[in-house]
Amino acid sequence: MKGETTCWYCDNTLNILNTVRLLDDKKICTECHSSIKKDLGLNMFNSKNISIEDINTRYAELGRNLENEHNDLRLRKDDIKTTGIYTKVTIDVAAGGSAIGVSGPVTFVQLNDNRIAINPKNPDFYYLQSTEFNGAKYKTVLASQTAGGSSTDTTENTVKKGKTGRIAAGAVIGTMLGPVGTVVGAYAGSKGKDKKKVKGNKTTRHNSNTTQTTEAVEVKSLAKINLKRISDDRSITLTINADTRDYNELLSLQTVSTEIEIDQETVIEAPKSREDIIKELKELKELVDMGIVTQEELDAKKKKLLDL
């Protein structure tokens, strides 16, 4: 029910998160409430201490009827649903958007009857009359690519350390003790075995090759869109940022020419009264007397007027 389960103005369904209760217990959605606060200059304290009647009265002082505006908006949204959507194209408006209340990226919704709706939340209808593109622009980009790898060489140096003749000395001592002593002495000498210390050297070589290339990359340039607003027949030109791909998408929109060419030979003049014919012939006779119009021209015009 209006003002209870749906917003009083826009008919959006209300829930616990998007509902504002006014002074007269009528309910509106938070989106309408924000717009009303902005339009009427209300603050967070007095924006709820106001009734539907107060809101309508203050809008009337601004020369607006808020309820009629929302009824018209509903009709336009229903019109879009009934007509059906042909295609959608998103453009980046650089200049001229203030005339239709948009800026930056905006979606053009073209209907099956070739009308274009802009700003689906508050749509107005236009015809696309023509498009212009300044042409593609490019910038040069320098790219570097490195290929290759690395290899490591390892060198190990072995250093021997020990006491010279240690094994021989042990054997000599053992010999003095007999054959068994010789073996024991040799073993004792082997306990003084040389020690080894290993030193390693590593050398790494880097082998790489860097290649630099240049590449032409397209950047955004400017295009123009010429629109005709249906409600007031106003011509509007938008300047947009676009590259070749953007412009090709724009060309998917159908253009509509609202200019009517009139063939002057086929225009049928309304019949002239006898008084009008006499007055015109008198004026022509004066021009003949002044030498501006010839008698032949006067006779030809007279015949044409009398034949009407």
Protein backbone atom coordinates (compact mmCIF):
# COMPACT_ATOMS: atom_id res chain seq x y z
CA MET A 1 0.00 0.00 0.00
CA LYS A 2 1.26 3.47 -0.91
CA GLY A 3 3.06 5.07 2.02
CA GLU A 4 3.00 1.84 4.02
CA THR A 5 4.63 -1.01 2.13
CA THR A 6 5.80 1.07 -0.84
CA CYS A 7 7.36 4.53 -1.02
CA TRP A 8 4.79 7.33 -1.25
CA TYR A 9 6.57 8.89 -4.22
CA CYS A 10 8.49 6.29 -6.23
CA ASP A 11 6.52 3.11 -5.31
CA ASN A 12 9.71 1.22 -4.46
CA THR A 13 9.14 -1.63 -2.00
CA LEU A 14 10.05 -0.67 1.56
CA ASN A 15 12.00 -2.74 4.06
CA ILE A 16 13.56 -2.15 7.45
CA LEU A 17 16.78 -0.80 5.90
CA ASN A 18 15.40 1.68 3.37
CA THR A 19 12.40 3.21 5.15
CA VAL A 20 11.96 6.73 6.55
CA ARG A 21 8.81 7.50 8.54
CA LEU A 22 7.60 11.10 8.27
CA LEU A 23 5.67 13.27 10.73
CA ASP A 24 2.29 12.12 9.38
CA ASP A 25 3.34 8.44 9.61
CA LYS A 26 3.66 8.19 5.84
CA LYS A 27 6.73 6.30 4.66
CA ILE A 28 9.18 7.08 1.90
CA CYS A 29 12.36 5.32 0.78
CA THR A 30 15.81 6.56 1.78
CA GLU A 31 16.61 7.46 -1.87
CA CYS A 32 13.61 9.80 -2.16
CA HIS A 33 14.36 11.15 1.31
CA SER A 34 17.91 12.07 0.29
CA SER A 35 16.66 13.88 -2.82
CA ILE A 36 14.04 15.78 -0.81
CA LYS A 37 16.63 16.84 1.77
CA LYS A 38 18.87 18.16 -0.97
CA ASP A 39 16.12 19.94 -2.92
CA LEU A 40 14.52 21.57 0.12
CA GLY A 41 17.72 22.28 2.07
CA LEU A 42 16.75 20.12 5.06
CA ASN A 43 19.08 18.70 7.69
CA MET A 44 19.08 15.41 9.57
CA PHE A 45 16.96 16.89 12.38
CA ASN A 46 14.09 18.53 10.48
CA SER A 47 14.00 16.22 7.46
CA LYS A 48 11.84 13.71 9.36
CA ASN A 49 9.70 16.29 11.16
CA ILE A 50 7.83 17.03 7.97
CA SER A 51 4.73 15.62 6.33
CA ILE A 52 3.85 14.70 2.76
CA GLU A 53 1.67 17.81 2.59
CA ASP A 54 4.56 20.00 3.79
CA ILE A 55 6.89 18.45 1.20
CA ASN A 56 4.41 19.00 -1.66
CA THR A 57 3.81 22.59 -0.56
CA ARG A 58 7.50 23.43 -0.46
CA TYR A 59 8.06 21.84 -3.87
CA ALA A 60 5.17 23.90 -5.23
CA GLU A 61 7.00 27.01 -4.03
CA LEU A 62 9.90 25.87 -6.23
CA GLY A 63 7.54 25.51 -9.18
CA ARG A 64 7.63 21.71 -9.07
CA ASN A 65 5.11 18.96 -8.44
CA LEU A 66 7.01 16.03 -6.96
CA GLU A 67 4.16 13.54 -7.26
CA ASN A 68 3.62 14.36 -10.94
CA GLU A 69 7.36 14.03 -11.55
CA HIS A 70 7.38 10.51 -10.12
CA ASN A 71 4.23 9.55 -12.01
CA ASP A 72 5.90 10.72 -15.22
CA LEU A 73 9.03 8.78 -14.30
CA ARG A 74 6.99 5.60 -13.83
CA LEU A 75 5.40 6.10 -17.24
CA ARG A 76 8.84 6.51 -18.86
CA LYS A 77 10.18 3.37 -17.20
CA ASP A 78 7.09 1.44 -18.27
CA ASP A 79 7.59 2.82 -21.78
CA ILE A 80 11.12 1.34 -21.86
CA LYS A 81 9.84 -2.07 -20.73
CA THR A 82 7.00 -2.04 -23.25
CA THR A 83 9.11 -0.89 -26.21
CA GLY A 84 12.04 -3.19 -25.47
CA ILE A 85 15.79 -2.63 -25.64
CA TYR A 86 17.67 -2.93 -28.93
CA THR A 87 21.22 -2.42 -27.64
CA LYS A 88 23.33 -0.74 -24.95
CA VAL A 89 26.59 1.19 -25.34
CA THR A 90 28.69 2.73 -22.56
CA ILE A 91 30.51 5.95 -23.44
CA ASP A 92 32.87 8.26 -21.54
CA VAL A 93 31.51 11.82 -21.64
CA ALA A 94 34.30 14.43 -21.65
CA ALA A 95 32.26 17.59 -22.27
CA GLY A 96 28.67 18.71 -22.84
CA GLY A 97 27.17 16.30 -20.32
CA SER A 98 25.70 19.07 -18.15
CA ALA A 99 23.00 19.59 -20.79
CA ILE A 100 21.62 16.13 -20.07
CA GLY A 101 22.76 15.78 -16.45
CA VAL A 102 25.53 13.23 -16.91
CA SER A 103 29.33 13.06 -16.77
CA GLY A 104 32.01 10.42 -17.15
CA PRO A 105 30.95 6.88 -18.11
CA VAL A 106 27.24 6.68 -19.02
CA THR A 107 25.14 4.00 -20.71
CA PHE A 108 23.10 4.74 -23.83
CA VAL A 109 20.09 2.42 -24.03
CA GLN A 110 18.61 2.33 -27.53
CA LEU A 111 15.05 1.05 -27.72
CA ASN A 112 13.48 -0.93 -30.54
CA ASP A 113 11.91 2.26 -31.92
CA ASN A 114 15.41 3.88 -32.12
CA ARG A 115 14.86 6.25 -29.20
CA ILE A 116 17.81 6.50 -26.82
CA ALA A 117 17.24 6.55 -23.06
CA ILE A 118 20.00 8.05 -20.95
CA ASN A 119 20.24 7.62 -17.18
CA PRO A 120 17.86 4.67 -16.60
CA LYS A 121 17.04 5.88 -13.06
CA ASN A 122 15.58 9.10 -14.47
CA PRO A 123 15.41 8.53 -18.21
CA ASP A 124 14.86 11.14 -20.86
CA PHE A 125 14.53 10.24 -24.52
CA TYR A 126 16.70 11.34 -27.45
CA TYR A 127 17.37 10.58 -31.09
CA LEU A 128 20.95 10.01 -32.22
CA GLN A 129 21.41 12.20 -35.29
CA SER A 130 25.08 11.76 -36.14
CA THR A 131 28.54 10.82 -34.84
CA GLU A 132 32.01 12.15 -35.63
CA PHE A 133 35.43 10.71 -34.87
CA ASN A 134 38.71 12.64 -35.00
CA GLY A 135 40.60 9.50 -35.98
CA ALA A 136 42.88 7.14 -34.11
CA LYS A 137 45.88 8.51 -32.20
CA TYR A 138 48.90 6.48 -31.17
CA LYS A 139 51.84 6.74 -28.78
CA THR A 140 55.15 4.92 -29.10
CA VAL A 141 56.00 2.53 -26.29
CA LEU A 142 59.56 1.24 -25.74
CA ALA A 143 59.70 -2.38 -24.56
CA SER A 144 62.83 -4.19 -23.29
CA GLN A 145 63.19 -7.98 -23.16
CA THR A 146 66.16 -9.79 -21.61
CA ALA A 147 67.03 -13.36 -22.60
CA GLY A 148 69.86 -15.64 -21.38
CA GLY A 149 71.10 -17.15 -18.12
CA SER A 150 74.12 -17.77 -15.89
CA SER A 151 76.72 -20.55 -15.38
CA THR A 152 78.93 -21.34 -12.38
CA ASP A 153 82.47 -22.78 -12.45
CA THR A 154 83.69 -24.54 -9.27
CA THR A 155 87.39 -25.10 -8.50
CA GLU A 156 88.57 -27.21 -5.54
CA ASN A 157 92.16 -27.05 -4.21
CA THR A 158 93.49 -29.86 -1.93
CA VAL A 159 96.30 -29.10 0.55
CA LYS A 160 98.13 -32.00 2.33
CA LYS A 161 99.52 -31.55 5.82
CA GLY A 162 101.43 -34.05 8.04
CA LYS A 163 104.83 -35.04 9.69
CA THR A 164 107.41 -36.39 7.27
CA GLY A 165 108.65 -39.98 7.98
CA ARG A 166 106.14 -40.66 10.72
CA ILE A 167 105.20 -44.07 9.35
CA ALA A 168 108.90 -45.01 8.75
CA ALA A 169 109.87 -44.02 12.27
CA GLY A 170 107.20 -46.23 13.75
CA ALA A 171 108.37 -49.18 11.70
CA VAL A 172 112.00 -48.72 12.78
CA ILE A 173 111.09 -48.68 16.42
CA GLY A 174 108.98 -51.76 15.96
CA THR A 175 111.79 -53.64 14.25
CA MET A 176 113.87 -53.27 17.34
CA LEU A 177 111.20 -55.25 19.17
CA GLY A 178 111.00 -58.08 16.65
CA PRO A 179 108.64 -58.95 13.81
CA VAL A 180 105.57 -58.26 15.89
CA GLY A 181 107.02 -54.95 16.92
CA THR A 182 107.51 -54.06 13.30
CA VAL A 183 103.76 -54.43 12.60
CA VAL A 184 102.76 -52.55 15.77
CA GLY A 185 105.21 -49.77 14.98
CA ALA A 186 103.86 -49.44 11.46
CA TYR A 187 100.29 -49.17 12.81
CA ALA A 188 101.37 -46.54 15.31
CA GLY A 189 102.96 -44.59 12.51
CA SER A 190 99.74 -44.76 10.50
CA LYS A 191 97.88 -42.97 13.27
CA GLY A 192 99.77 -39.86 12.22
CA LYS A 193 98.04 -39.93 8.80
CA ASP A 194 98.20 -36.70 6.75
CA LYS A 195 95.26 -34.30 7.14
CA LYS A 196 93.56 -32.73 4.07
CA LYS A 197 91.96 -29.34 3.83
CA VAL A 198 89.78 -28.56 0.80
CA LYS A 199 89.34 -25.05 -0.49
CA GLY A 200 86.65 -24.27 -3.08
CA ASN A 201 86.50 -21.36 -5.50
CA LYS A 202 83.26 -20.56 -7.37
CA THR A 203 83.08 -18.28 -10.38
CA THR A 204 79.66 -17.28 -11.85
CA ARG A 205 79.35 -15.96 -15.38
CA HIS A 206 76.23 -14.13 -16.51
CA ASN A 207 75.26 -14.45 -20.15
CA SER A 208 72.26 -12.28 -21.18
CA ASN A 209 71.03 -10.42 -24.21
CA THR A 210 68.66 -7.44 -23.97
CA THR A 211 66.44 -6.57 -26.91
CA GLN A 212 64.56 -3.26 -27.17
CA THR A 213 61.53 -2.85 -29.42
CA THR A 214 59.10 -0.02 -30.11
CA GLU A 215 55.36 -0.49 -30.44
CA ALA A 216 52.58 1.91 -31.49
CA VAL A 217 49.72 1.77 -28.97
CA GLU A 218 46.39 3.51 -29.62
CA VAL A 219 45.28 6.05 -27.02
CA LYS A 220 41.93 7.73 -26.43
CA SER A 221 41.09 10.63 -28.72
CA LEU A 222 37.86 12.61 -29.13
CA ALA A 223 34.57 11.83 -30.80
CA LYS A 224 31.29 13.75 -30.96
CA ILE A 225 27.70 12.62 -30.58
CA ASN A 226 24.88 14.82 -31.86
CA LEU A 227 21.55 14.23 -30.11
CA LYS A 228 18.04 15.63 -30.42
CA ARG A 229 16.03 15.67 -27.19
CA ILE A 230 12.50 14.59 -27.99
CA SER A 231 10.74 16.46 -25.19
CA ASP A 232 11.82 19.95 -26.31
CA ASP A 233 13.43 19.29 -29.74
CA ARG A 234 16.74 20.65 -28.45
CA SER A 235 19.99 19.76 -30.22
CA ILE A 236 22.79 18.60 -27.89
CA THR A 237 26.40 17.77 -28.73
CA LEU A 238 28.48 15.56 -26.47
CA THR A 239 32.26 15.21 -26.69
CA ILE A 240 33.45 11.78 -25.60
CA ASN A 241 36.76 10.01 -25.04
CA ALA A 242 37.02 7.14 -27.51
CA ASP A 243 39.40 4.93 -29.43
CA THR A 244 38.65 2.94 -32.57
CA ARG A 245 37.03 0.11 -30.63
CA ASP A 246 34.79 2.51 -28.68
CA TYR A 247 33.74 4.29 -31.86
CA ASN A 248 32.92 1.02 -33.61
CA GLU A 249 30.62 0.15 -30.71
CA LEU A 250 29.04 3.57 -30.99
CA LEU A 251 28.30 2.87 -34.65
CA SER A 252 26.06 0.00 -33.55
CA LEU A 253 23.51 2.63 -32.50
CA GLN A 254 20.95 3.57 -35.14
CA THR A 255 20.86 7.22 -36.23
CA VAL A 256 17.61 9.05 -36.89
CA SER A 257 17.42 12.21 -39.00
CA THR A 258 14.72 14.60 -37.80
CA GLU A 259 15.40 17.14 -40.53
CA ILE A 260 12.70 17.33 -43.19
CA GLU A 261 13.79 18.36 -46.63
CA ILE A 262 11.15 20.36 -48.54
CA ASP A 263 11.08 20.37 -52.31
CA GLN A 264 10.17 23.92 -53.20
CA GLU A 265 8.58 22.80 -56.47
CA THR A 266 6.06 20.65 -54.61
CA VAL A 267 4.99 23.24 -52.03
CA ILE A 268 1.32 24.09 -52.47
CA GLU A 269 0.51 27.68 -51.61
CA ALA A 270 -2.75 28.54 -49.94
CA PRO A 271 -5.26 30.28 -52.22
CA LYS A 272 -4.99 34.08 -52.21
CA SER A 273 -7.93 36.38 -51.87
CA ARG A 274 -8.91 38.84 -54.64
CA GLU A 275 -7.73 41.73 -52.46
CA ASP A 276 -4.30 40.09 -51.98
CA ILE A 277 -3.92 39.58 -55.76
CA ILE A 278 -4.81 43.18 -56.54
CA LYS A 279 -2.42 44.47 -53.89
CA GLU A 280 0.45 42.33 -55.18
CA LEU A 281 -0.17 43.40 -58.81
CA LYS A 282 -0.13 47.07 -57.75
CA GLU A 283 3.19 46.56 -56.01
CA LEU A 284 4.60 44.85 -59.10
CA LYS A 285 3.32 47.71 -61.35
CA GLU A 286 5.21 50.18 -59.15
CA LEU A 287 8.36 48.10 -59.57
CA VAL A 288 7.84 48.15 -63.35
CA ASP A 289 7.50 51.94 -63.29
CA MET A 290 10.76 52.12 -61.30
CA GLY A 291 12.51 49.86 -63.81
CA ILE A 292 13.20 47.14 -61.27
CA VAL A 293 10.82 44.58 -62.82
CA THR A 294 10.20 44.23 -66.57
CA GLN A 295 6.74 44.26 -68.16
CA GLU A 296 7.23 40.62 -69.23
CA GLU A 297 7.87 39.59 -65.63
CA LEU A 298 4.77 41.48 -64.53
CA ASP A 299 2.63 39.76 -67.18
CA ALA A 300 3.96 36.33 -66.23
CA LYS A 301 3.29 36.94 -62.53
CA LYS A 302 -0.16 38.33 -63.31
CA LYS A 303 -1.07 35.21 -65.33
CA LYS A 304 0.16 32.96 -62.50
CA LEU A 305 -1.85 34.85 -59.88
CA LEU A 306 -5.03 34.83 -61.96
CA ASP A 307 -4.69 31.09 -62.61
CA LEU A 308 -4.65 30.25 -58.86
